Amino acid sequence: MKLPPMVADVWKRFVVMLSLPDLLVLGCLWASGFSFGYYIKSAYVYDNLWPHWYALVGGIGISALAVGWTLRKKRRQQCSYDHFYIIFYGLLCSLMGSCFMLTRQLAVSYYFSFVGLSVQYLAGFSYVSLRCDASGSRPSRIAFANSLYAGGMSTGFVIFNEMEPQRSGLISLGINLLLLCLVCLNELLQHVGCINYKESRDLVFNLLNEERMVFLPRQAVLAQFVGRTDYKLKDSRQWLVLLLGGSLVCLQKSCLLFSPTSMQLMWGATVGYLQRTQLFIPFVLYAGGCSFGALLLMRYTPKLVYLLSGIIQVTLIVALLCIFDEDRTEHCFPFLCLIYVTMGVLSSQAIQWLLEYSPFLYTELALASGFILHLVVQEGCKYEAYATDTWIALLSGSAVTLGLTVLAISAVQWLQPHSASLVDVRNRLLGIRRLEPPPEQTQFWHTNQFLAHNKPANQLEPVQVGRKRVFQQYPISGSDITDNPKADRF
């Protein structure tokens, strides 16, 4: 049975991801989110809001890794695909965190788990971006990886029980051991030549990487296009796009998801609407929104998806403020559900922005900065718990979210280029624009198709074949014209 073109294209992109290295990285991202879900439940459900040291250690760990990785790339002037070695270290840290959880030492466990999940987060998303081809599938693949990360977070939130840490630690231990074995198997298959995970599916990026030209500075890149008539050079806007747009989309992603006011309101509305406690609903809805966003990005552009989802989220937040009643929170339940879904749809834009629009040399550093900003916002939002008036806290948080969403939508529509090959995106951000050739006239009655072959005017002879129709004779031949009975008639 022949599939429709749209379905066939989506299926083709999905099948491309079904290789062992890609599936393994996606599994490690799921495990990273799983560990993060443990911490989120410990902080928000068991009232451990105030220890910020775990996130601080995770931020320091991912910063050190990003700086060291950047220095290594600068020294080698080549992308060496060290991602699985780094993931191996992250899994070892997570494994040690699981062992401490088995001995009920949760505080020590969170330190190791945070370092492990941060390392896996950085290496996993970096590898997903590098493995994409030049067909523009990077946004959908990053969104799919983000949906697995969010799915792992919601699963960890559901499973974790602080009163039974051995059970939670045993599950985490099994997951990390399985992934460690698969990483070793992946390296063995690479050694014997069965697979090759140390290459991108982007041919141009591979060629530049082999020639050690992928990390050239802007002036060296521009020198390759000087004197070419099919290109024009403009001012670079790479840092403007990265810093301004990246900051706005990262802040917009993080400001509402871990707000204690919104979370408590969601839990209270769930009890009132469903008549039972379901604490995991916000994170399950968020993960579902991430998956839905990945499906949308297989068909539509990130600009369109972000614009529509952002407008829907703004409308839903305004509706929530209008219907809010502290005594009847169950009325807010449908709006809160849709808000968490739209948060998931919007969430992958920040990761894609940092990976695709940063200079190749500083990609991991940009992604690490985005993760640290996410942790800072998450830990800062905990101080909302000091608010005594729920309405004031909700209004303040919603106003900040509305402002950031509007600014982020404007930045995306203004600054975001179309997704393509990494090298093409870099060239556009550096101001290297390819000139479009003038459209050729191919309409028969206008040119008789000879001008499409760029024939000189002196080799053509117009022959009147009607009141408003001129036949361009080629080659010039008087005998051909006189022998044509139609020309004689007119």
Protein backbone atom coordinates (compact mmCIF):
# COMPACT_ATOMS: atom_id res chain seq x y z
CA MET A 1 0.00 0.00 0.00
CA LYS A 2 1.40 3.35 -1.02
CA LEU A 3 1.39 5.93 1.76
CA PRO A 4 0.38 9.56 1.17
CA PRO A 5 3.42 11.83 0.58
CA MET A 6 3.06 13.61 3.94
CA VAL A 7 2.82 10.35 5.90
CA ALA A 8 5.70 8.83 3.91
CA ASP A 9 7.92 11.82 4.69
CA VAL A 10 7.17 11.62 8.43
CA TRP A 11 7.80 7.84 8.43
CA LYS A 12 11.11 8.29 6.61
CA ARG A 13 12.32 10.81 9.18
CA PHE A 14 11.30 8.49 11.99
CA VAL A 15 13.08 5.45 10.53
CA VAL A 16 16.32 7.43 10.22
CA MET A 17 16.44 7.66 14.03
CA LEU A 18 16.25 3.89 14.52
CA SER A 19 19.98 3.17 14.80
CA LEU A 20 21.62 1.99 18.02
CA PRO A 21 23.65 5.15 18.82
CA ASP A 22 20.66 7.42 18.29
CA LEU A 23 18.31 5.20 20.29
CA LEU A 24 20.90 4.90 23.05
CA VAL A 25 21.28 8.66 23.34
CA LEU A 26 17.50 9.04 23.50
CA GLY A 27 17.42 6.43 26.25
CA CYS A 28 20.09 8.32 28.21
CA LEU A 29 18.09 11.53 27.90
CA TRP A 30 15.06 9.69 29.24
CA ALA A 31 17.17 8.47 32.18
CA SER A 32 18.40 12.03 32.78
CA GLY A 33 14.82 13.25 33.00
CA PHE A 34 14.00 10.26 35.24
CA SER A 35 16.60 11.39 37.81
CA PHE A 36 15.35 14.96 37.57
CA GLY A 37 11.80 13.74 38.28
CA TYR A 38 13.03 12.22 41.56
CA TYR A 39 14.39 15.60 42.64
CA ILE A 40 11.26 17.50 41.57
CA LYS A 41 8.99 15.25 43.64
CA SER A 42 11.31 15.46 46.63
CA ALA A 43 11.32 19.25 46.44
CA TYR A 44 7.67 20.02 45.69
CA VAL A 45 5.74 17.14 47.25
CA TYR A 46 7.83 16.39 50.33
CA ASP A 47 8.43 20.11 51.07
CA ASN A 48 12.18 20.07 50.52
CA LEU A 49 12.06 23.37 48.64
CA TRP A 50 14.92 25.21 50.24
CA PRO A 51 18.11 23.15 49.68
CA HIS A 52 19.61 24.79 46.58
CA TRP A 53 22.97 23.05 46.84
CA TYR A 54 21.99 20.14 44.60
CA ALA A 55 21.20 22.42 41.67
CA LEU A 56 24.33 24.45 42.39
CA VAL A 57 26.51 21.35 42.15
CA GLY A 58 24.75 20.35 38.90
CA GLY A 59 25.33 23.83 37.46
CA ILE A 60 29.01 23.76 38.42
CA GLY A 61 29.41 20.30 36.91
CA ILE A 62 27.83 21.15 33.58
CA SER A 63 29.81 24.44 33.42
CA ALA A 64 33.10 22.66 33.98
CA LEU A 65 32.24 20.06 31.36
CA ALA A 66 31.20 22.69 28.80
CA VAL A 67 34.35 24.79 29.31
CA GLY A 68 36.63 21.74 29.07
CA TRP A 69 34.80 20.48 25.98
CA THR A 70 35.10 23.88 24.30
CA LEU A 71 38.84 24.07 25.03
CA ARG A 72 39.33 20.58 23.62
CA LYS A 73 37.50 21.48 20.41
CA LYS A 74 39.51 24.70 20.10
CA ARG A 75 42.79 22.81 20.47
CA ARG A 76 41.89 20.05 18.01
CA GLN A 77 39.95 22.30 15.59
CA GLN A 78 37.71 19.32 14.96
CA CYS A 79 34.59 17.73 16.37
CA SER A 80 35.78 14.38 17.75
CA TYR A 81 32.40 12.93 18.86
CA ASP A 82 33.33 12.23 22.47
CA HIS A 83 29.68 12.18 23.53
CA PHE A 84 29.45 8.55 24.60
CA TYR A 85 32.55 8.78 26.80
CA ILE A 86 30.93 11.74 28.57
CA ILE A 87 27.60 9.92 28.80
CA PHE A 88 29.43 6.95 30.33
CA TYR A 89 30.74 9.20 33.10
CA GLY A 90 27.27 10.69 33.66
CA LEU A 91 25.77 7.20 33.99
CA LEU A 92 28.44 6.27 36.54
CA CYS A 93 27.53 9.33 38.63
CA SER A 94 23.84 8.43 38.41
CA LEU A 95 24.71 4.85 39.38
CA MET A 96 26.51 6.07 42.51
CA GLY A 97 23.51 8.25 43.32
CA SER A 98 21.30 5.16 43.10
CA CYS A 99 23.61 3.29 45.46
CA PHE A 100 23.41 6.10 48.03
CA MET A 101 19.62 6.04 47.67
CA LEU A 102 19.66 2.33 48.54
CA THR A 103 21.35 3.23 51.83
CA ARG A 104 18.75 6.01 52.50
CA GLN A 105 21.33 8.79 52.16
CA LEU A 106 19.11 10.93 49.92
CA ALA A 107 21.06 14.17 50.39
CA VAL A 108 24.30 12.62 49.09
CA SER A 109 22.36 10.81 46.38
CA TYR A 110 21.00 14.05 44.91
CA TYR A 111 24.50 15.51 44.55
CA PHE A 112 25.70 12.61 42.40
CA SER A 113 22.40 12.34 40.54
CA PHE A 114 22.42 16.02 39.63
CA VAL A 115 25.94 15.81 38.23
CA GLY A 116 25.00 12.69 36.28
CA LEU A 117 21.78 14.08 34.79
CA SER A 118 23.48 17.36 33.86
CA VAL A 119 26.29 15.56 32.03
CA GLN A 120 23.85 13.29 30.17
CA TYR A 121 21.66 16.29 29.28
CA LEU A 122 24.54 18.21 27.71
CA ALA A 123 26.10 15.31 25.79
CA GLY A 124 22.75 13.83 24.72
CA PHE A 125 21.22 16.93 23.14
CA SER A 126 24.54 17.90 21.55
CA TYR A 127 24.75 14.49 19.86
CA VAL A 128 21.13 14.60 18.69
CA SER A 129 21.79 17.93 16.97
CA LEU A 130 24.98 16.76 15.27
CA ARG A 131 23.39 13.59 13.90
CA CYS A 132 20.67 15.42 11.96
CA ASP A 133 20.82 15.70 8.18
CA ALA A 134 20.46 18.82 6.03
CA SER A 135 16.77 18.32 5.23
CA GLY A 136 15.53 20.56 8.04
CA SER A 137 14.57 17.74 10.42
CA ARG A 138 16.63 19.09 13.33
CA PRO A 139 13.71 20.86 15.12
CA SER A 140 11.55 17.73 15.11
CA ARG A 141 14.38 15.46 16.29
CA ILE A 142 15.34 17.81 19.11
CA ALA A 143 11.67 18.07 20.07
CA PHE A 144 11.40 14.28 20.09
CA ALA A 145 14.45 14.01 22.36
CA ASN A 146 12.96 16.71 24.59
CA SER A 147 9.70 14.76 24.80
CA LEU A 148 11.62 11.69 26.02
CA TYR A 149 13.42 13.83 28.60
CA ALA A 150 10.06 15.19 29.80
CA GLY A 151 8.60 11.66 29.75
CA GLY A 152 11.43 10.45 31.95
CA MET A 153 10.82 13.37 34.32
CA SER A 154 7.12 12.54 34.66
CA THR A 155 7.93 8.81 35.13
CA GLY A 156 10.46 9.58 37.86
CA PHE A 157 7.95 11.86 39.54
CA VAL A 158 5.35 9.08 39.57
CA ILE A 159 7.71 6.37 40.88
CA PHE A 160 9.69 8.23 43.54
CA ASN A 161 8.62 7.75 47.14
CA GLU A 162 10.75 9.35 49.83
CA MET A 163 9.35 6.96 52.41
CA GLU A 164 10.62 3.96 50.37
CA PRO A 165 13.95 5.14 48.95
CA GLN A 166 15.29 1.61 48.49
CA ARG A 167 12.59 0.79 45.95
CA SER A 168 13.23 4.00 44.03
CA GLY A 169 16.98 3.48 44.20
CA LEU A 170 16.67 -0.11 42.95
CA ILE A 171 14.69 1.02 39.88
CA SER A 172 17.20 3.77 39.14
CA LEU A 173 20.08 1.33 39.63
CA GLY A 174 18.60 -1.10 37.11
CA ILE A 175 18.06 1.62 34.50
CA ASN A 176 21.61 2.97 34.85
CA LEU A 177 23.19 -0.49 34.73
CA LEU A 178 21.26 -1.35 31.56
CA LEU A 179 22.33 1.88 29.87
CA LEU A 180 25.96 1.36 30.92
CA CYS A 181 25.93 -2.08 29.31
CA LEU A 182 24.44 -0.65 26.13
CA VAL A 183 27.08 2.10 26.00
CA CYS A 184 29.80 -0.56 26.27
CA LEU A 185 28.09 -2.60 23.52
CA ASN A 186 27.87 0.50 21.33
CA GLU A 187 31.60 1.14 21.75
CA LEU A 188 32.38 -2.51 20.94
CA LEU A 189 30.32 -2.34 17.73
CA GLN A 190 32.13 0.88 16.82
CA HIS A 191 35.49 -0.79 17.40
CA VAL A 192 34.71 -3.79 15.16
CA GLY A 193 33.25 -1.53 12.45
CA CYS A 194 29.60 -2.60 12.61
CA ILE A 195 28.43 0.96 13.18
CA ASN A 196 29.94 4.42 12.91
CA TYR A 197 28.53 6.89 15.41
CA LYS A 198 31.40 9.34 14.94
CA GLU A 199 29.94 11.12 11.96
CA SER A 200 27.07 13.43 11.15
CA ARG A 201 24.38 12.85 8.54
CA ASP A 202 25.08 16.39 7.34
CA LEU A 203 27.52 15.89 4.43
CA VAL A 204 28.80 19.48 4.31
CA PHE A 205 29.49 19.51 8.05
CA ASN A 206 31.37 16.22 7.73
CA LEU A 207 33.57 17.56 4.92
CA LEU A 208 34.41 20.73 6.84
CA ASN A 209 35.10 18.72 9.99
CA GLU A 210 37.49 16.37 8.17
CA GLU A 211 39.40 19.38 6.76
CA ARG A 212 39.47 21.03 10.23
CA MET A 213 37.57 24.04 8.87
CA VAL A 214 34.40 23.75 10.91
CA PHE A 215 35.56 26.11 13.71
CA LEU A 216 37.03 28.85 11.53
CA PRO A 217 36.48 32.44 12.75
CA ARG A 218 34.07 34.72 10.88
CA GLN A 219 36.73 36.55 8.88
CA ALA A 220 38.15 33.28 7.57
CA VAL A 221 34.67 32.13 6.55
CA LEU A 222 33.90 35.43 4.81
CA ALA A 223 37.18 35.27 2.89
CA GLN A 224 35.87 32.21 1.04
CA PHE A 225 33.02 34.27 -0.47
CA VAL A 226 34.88 37.45 -1.43
CA GLY A 227 34.55 38.19 -5.14
CA ARG A 228 31.73 35.75 -5.77
CA THR A 229 28.87 37.31 -7.68
CA ASP A 230 26.29 34.76 -6.54
CA TYR A 231 26.63 35.80 -2.88
CA LYS A 232 26.32 39.06 -0.99
CA LEU A 233 27.78 39.83 2.44
CA LYS A 234 25.84 41.54 5.21
CA ASP A 235 26.48 42.30 8.87
CA SER A 236 26.64 39.33 11.22
CA ARG A 237 23.78 38.90 13.67
CA GLN A 238 24.75 35.56 15.19
CA TRP A 239 25.41 36.87 18.69
CA LEU A 240 22.27 39.02 18.62
CA VAL A 241 20.16 35.99 17.71
CA LEU A 242 21.88 33.77 20.26
CA LEU A 243 21.93 36.11 23.25
CA LEU A 244 18.67 38.01 22.83
CA GLY A 245 16.50 35.26 21.36
CA GLY A 246 18.06 32.48 23.42
CA SER A 247 17.60 34.35 26.71
CA LEU A 248 13.95 35.11 26.00
CA VAL A 249 12.93 31.61 24.90
CA CYS A 250 14.81 30.00 27.83
CA LEU A 251 13.18 32.32 30.37
CA GLN A 252 9.76 31.79 28.80
CA LYS A 253 10.21 28.01 28.99
CA SER A 254 11.19 27.96 32.67
CA CYS A 255 9.17 30.69 34.37
CA LEU A 256 5.83 28.86 34.75
CA LEU A 257 6.59 25.14 34.71
CA PHE A 258 8.04 24.95 38.24
CA SER A 259 6.04 27.76 39.82
CA PRO A 260 4.81 26.51 43.23
CA THR A 261 1.70 28.69 42.95
CA SER A 262 0.66 27.16 39.63
CA MET A 263 1.52 23.67 40.83
CA GLN A 264 -0.47 23.98 44.05
CA LEU A 265 -3.40 25.46 42.12
CA MET A 266 -3.26 22.54 39.67
CA TRP A 267 -3.22 19.99 42.48
CA GLY A 268 -6.12 21.68 44.25
CA ALA A 269 -8.12 21.93 41.00
CA THR A 270 -7.45 18.24 40.31
CA VAL A 271 -8.84 17.23 43.70
CA GLY A 272 -11.93 19.38 43.16
CA TYR A 273 -12.52 18.26 39.56
CA LEU A 274 -11.61 14.55 39.74
CA GLN A 275 -12.43 14.02 43.42
CA ARG A 276 -9.03 12.41 44.01
CA THR A 277 -5.37 13.39 44.30
CA GLN A 278 -3.24 12.98 41.18
CA LEU A 279 -0.01 14.89 41.77
CA PHE A 280 1.65 13.74 38.53
CA ILE A 281 -0.95 15.28 36.17
CA PRO A 282 0.96 18.56 35.48
CA PHE A 283 4.11 16.71 34.40
CA VAL A 284 2.25 14.10 32.37
CA LEU A 285 0.42 16.87 30.52
CA TYR A 286 3.71 18.69 29.99
CA ALA A 287 5.30 15.52 28.56
CA GLY A 288 2.27 15.01 26.33
CA GLY A 289 2.63 18.56 25.05
CA CYS A 290 6.30 17.91 24.26
CA SER A 291 5.33 14.84 22.22
CA PHE A 292 2.58 16.74 20.43
CA GLY A 293 5.05 19.52 19.60
CA ALA A 294 7.47 16.97 18.12
CA LEU A 295 4.70 15.68 15.84
CA LEU A 296 3.80 19.21 14.75
CA LEU A 297 7.42 20.04 13.94
CA MET A 298 7.60 17.08 11.56
CA ARG A 299 5.17 18.97 9.33
CA TYR A 300 5.25 22.67 10.23
CA THR A 301 8.02 25.21 10.76
CA PRO A 302 9.18 26.12 14.29
CA LYS A 303 8.12 29.73 13.71
CA LEU A 304 4.52 28.79 12.98
CA VAL A 305 4.28 26.27 15.83
CA TYR A 306 5.74 28.73 18.33
CA LEU A 307 3.52 31.58 17.16
CA LEU A 308 0.27 29.61 17.37
CA SER A 309 1.15 27.86 20.64
CA GLY A 310 2.31 31.11 22.23
CA ILE A 311 -0.90 32.91 21.28
CA ILE A 312 -2.96 30.01 22.64
CA GLN A 313 -1.00 30.06 25.90
CA VAL A 314 -1.48 33.81 26.33
CA THR A 315 -5.23 33.40 25.75
CA LEU A 316 -5.44 30.53 28.24
CA ILE A 317 -3.59 32.44 30.96
CA VAL A 318 -5.90 35.44 30.54
CA ALA A 319 -8.90 33.11 30.72
CA LEU A 320 -7.48 31.49 33.87
CA LEU A 321 -7.15 34.88 35.57
CA CYS A 322 -10.72 35.72 34.62
CA ILE A 323 -12.23 32.51 36.02
CA PHE A 324 -10.02 32.10 39.10
CA ASP A 325 -11.89 31.67 42.38
CA GLU A 326 -9.91 30.61 45.40
CA ASP A 327 -12.91 28.79 46.86
CA ARG A 328 -13.79 26.91 43.64
CA THR A 329 -10.48 26.00 42.02
CA GLU A 330 -12.03 23.10 40.09
CA HIS A 331 -13.24 25.63 37.50
CA CYS A 332 -9.59 26.29 36.62
CA PHE A 333 -8.79 22.63 35.88
CA PRO A 334 -9.47 22.56 32.08
CA PHE A 335 -7.53 25.79 31.53
CA LEU A 336 -4.58 24.61 33.62
CA CYS A 337 -4.46 21.33 31.69
CA LEU A 338 -4.26 23.17 28.37
CA ILE A 339 -1.66 25.60 29.75
CA TYR A 340 0.64 22.71 30.71
CA VAL A 341 0.17 21.14 27.27
CA THR A 342 1.11 24.41 25.52
CA MET A 343 4.14 24.71 27.80
CA GLY A 344 5.28 21.34 26.48
CA VAL A 345 4.73 22.35 22.85
CA LEU A 346 6.82 25.51 23.36
CA SER A 347 9.59 23.89 25.41
CA SER A 348 11.80 22.45 22.65
CA GLN A 349 12.29 25.84 20.98
CA ALA A 350 14.85 26.91 23.60
CA ILE A 351 17.01 23.81 23.14
CA GLN A 352 16.85 24.03 19.36
CA TRP A 353 17.75 27.72 19.49
CA LEU A 354 20.87 27.16 21.58
CA LEU A 355 22.04 24.18 19.53
CA GLU A 356 21.36 25.45 16.02
CA TYR A 357 22.18 29.17 16.23
CA SER A 358 25.29 29.19 18.42
CA PRO A 359 28.81 29.20 16.91
CA PHE A 360 30.01 25.65 16.38
CA LEU A 361 32.86 26.09 18.84
CA TYR A 362 30.57 27.25 21.66
CA THR A 363 27.54 25.00 21.13
CA GLU A 364 27.98 23.02 24.36
CA LEU A 365 28.78 26.20 26.27
CA ALA A 366 25.55 27.81 25.06
CA LEU A 367 23.49 24.71 25.92
CA ALA A 368 25.07 24.55 29.38
CA SER A 369 24.27 28.24 29.93
CA GLY A 370 20.65 27.58 29.01
CA PHE A 371 20.47 24.67 31.46
CA ILE A 372 22.00 26.79 34.24
CA LEU A 373 19.51 29.59 33.53
CA HIS A 374 16.74 26.98 33.78
CA LEU A 375 18.04 25.85 37.18
CA VAL A 376 18.34 29.45 38.42
CA VAL A 377 14.75 30.23 37.45
CA GLN A 378 13.53 26.95 38.93
CA GLU A 379 15.25 27.54 42.27
CA GLY A 380 14.21 31.21 42.31
CA CYS A 381 10.56 30.33 41.74
CA LYS A 382 10.57 28.37 45.00
CA TYR A 383 10.39 31.67 46.90
CA GLU A 384 6.82 32.06 45.67
CA ALA A 385 5.98 29.71 48.52
CA TYR A 386 6.45 32.64 50.90
CA ALA A 387 3.43 34.42 49.36
CA THR A 388 0.40 34.41 51.63
CA ASP A 389 -2.13 35.65 49.06
CA THR A 390 -2.66 33.08 46.28
CA TRP A 391 -4.35 35.60 43.96
CA ILE A 392 -1.48 38.10 44.17
CA ALA A 393 1.10 35.36 43.60
CA LEU A 394 -0.86 33.97 40.63
CA LEU A 395 -1.37 37.43 39.14
CA SER A 396 2.32 38.34 39.47
CA GLY A 397 3.53 35.07 37.98
CA SER A 398 1.01 35.24 35.15
CA ALA A 399 1.97 38.83 34.31
CA VAL A 400 5.65 37.86 34.07
CA THR A 401 4.78 34.84 31.93
CA LEU A 402 2.57 36.89 29.62
CA GLY A 403 5.29 39.50 29.11
CA LEU A 404 8.00 36.93 28.45
CA THR A 405 5.75 34.97 26.07
CA VAL A 406 4.92 38.05 24.00
CA LEU A 407 8.60 39.07 23.85
CA ALA A 408 9.68 35.52 22.96
CA ILE A 409 7.11 35.29 20.16
CA SER A 410 8.33 38.60 18.74
CA ALA A 411 11.96 37.50 18.94
CA VAL A 412 11.23 34.17 17.22
CA GLN A 413 9.32 35.82 14.38
CA TRP A 414 12.02 38.48 13.91
CA LEU A 415 15.27 36.60 14.46
CA GLN A 416 14.79 32.89 13.74
CA PRO A 417 16.12 31.69 10.36
CA HIS A 418 14.78 28.64 8.59
CA SER A 419 16.21 25.32 9.75
CA ALA A 420 18.53 23.64 7.26
CA SER A 421 22.09 22.34 7.24
CA LEU A 422 24.17 23.57 10.18
CA VAL A 423 26.58 25.21 7.76
CA ASP A 424 23.78 26.98 5.86
CA VAL A 425 22.29 28.29 9.09
CA ARG A 426 25.71 29.51 10.23
CA ASN A 427 26.31 31.29 6.91
CA ARG A 428 22.97 33.09 7.10
CA LEU A 429 23.66 34.21 10.66
CA LEU A 430 27.12 35.45 9.63
CA GLY A 431 25.54 37.57 6.89
CA ILE A 432 26.41 35.37 3.89
CA ARG A 433 23.37 35.39 1.63
CA ARG A 434 23.03 33.58 -1.67
CA LEU A 435 21.56 35.70 -4.45
CA GLU A 436 18.58 34.21 -6.20
CA PRO A 437 18.98 34.07 -10.02
CA PRO A 438 16.41 36.10 -11.99
CA PRO A 439 13.37 34.02 -12.88
CA GLU A 440 13.43 32.79 -16.46
CA GLN A 441 10.37 33.27 -18.62
CA THR A 442 9.21 29.92 -19.94
CA GLN A 443 5.73 30.78 -21.18
CA PHE A 444 5.49 29.75 -24.83
CA TRP A 445 3.50 32.73 -26.05
CA HIS A 446 5.87 35.15 -24.31
CA THR A 447 9.28 33.88 -25.36
CA ASN A 448 8.69 30.79 -27.51
CA GLN A 449 11.10 29.15 -25.02
CA PHE A 450 14.20 30.51 -26.77
CA LEU A 451 14.99 33.17 -24.18
CA ALA A 452 15.15 30.40 -21.58
CA HIS A 453 18.29 29.21 -23.41
CA ASN A 454 19.87 32.68 -23.12
CA LYS A 455 20.08 33.23 -26.86
CA PRO A 456 21.48 36.65 -27.92
CA ALA A 457 18.93 39.04 -29.36
CA ASN A 458 20.80 39.35 -32.66
CA GLN A 459 20.25 35.63 -33.31
CA LEU A 460 16.47 35.92 -33.06
CA GLU A 461 14.08 37.34 -35.61
CA PRO A 462 10.52 38.32 -34.62
CA VAL A 463 7.76 37.02 -36.85
CA GLN A 464 4.26 38.43 -36.43
CA VAL A 465 1.80 35.53 -36.14
CA GLY A 466 -1.13 37.47 -34.73
CA ARG A 467 -2.20 40.83 -33.47
CA LYS A 468 -0.56 40.33 -30.09
CA ARG A 469 1.66 37.33 -30.72
CA VAL A 470 5.23 37.42 -31.94
CA PHE A 471 7.10 34.23 -32.80
CA GLN A 472 10.85 34.46 -32.08
CA GLN A 473 12.45 32.69 -35.03
CA TYR A 474 15.73 30.86 -34.33
CA PRO A 475 17.96 30.58 -36.17
CA ILE A 476 17.37 33.49 -38.52
CA SER A 477 16.25 32.02 -41.82
CA GLY A 478 14.41 33.94 -44.52
CA SER A 479 13.45 30.77 -46.37
CA ASP A 480 11.87 29.31 -43.27
CA ILE A 481 9.78 32.43 -42.80
CA THR A 482 8.53 32.60 -46.36
CA ASP A 483 7.82 28.88 -46.47
CA ASN A 484 5.57 29.14 -43.45
CA PRO A 485 1.94 29.46 -44.74
CA LYS A 486 0.75 30.80 -41.41
CA ALA A 487 3.26 33.65 -41.59
CA ASP A 488 2.12 34.47 -45.17
CA ARG A 489 -1.52 34.57 -44.10
CA PHE A 490 -0.82 37.17 -41.46
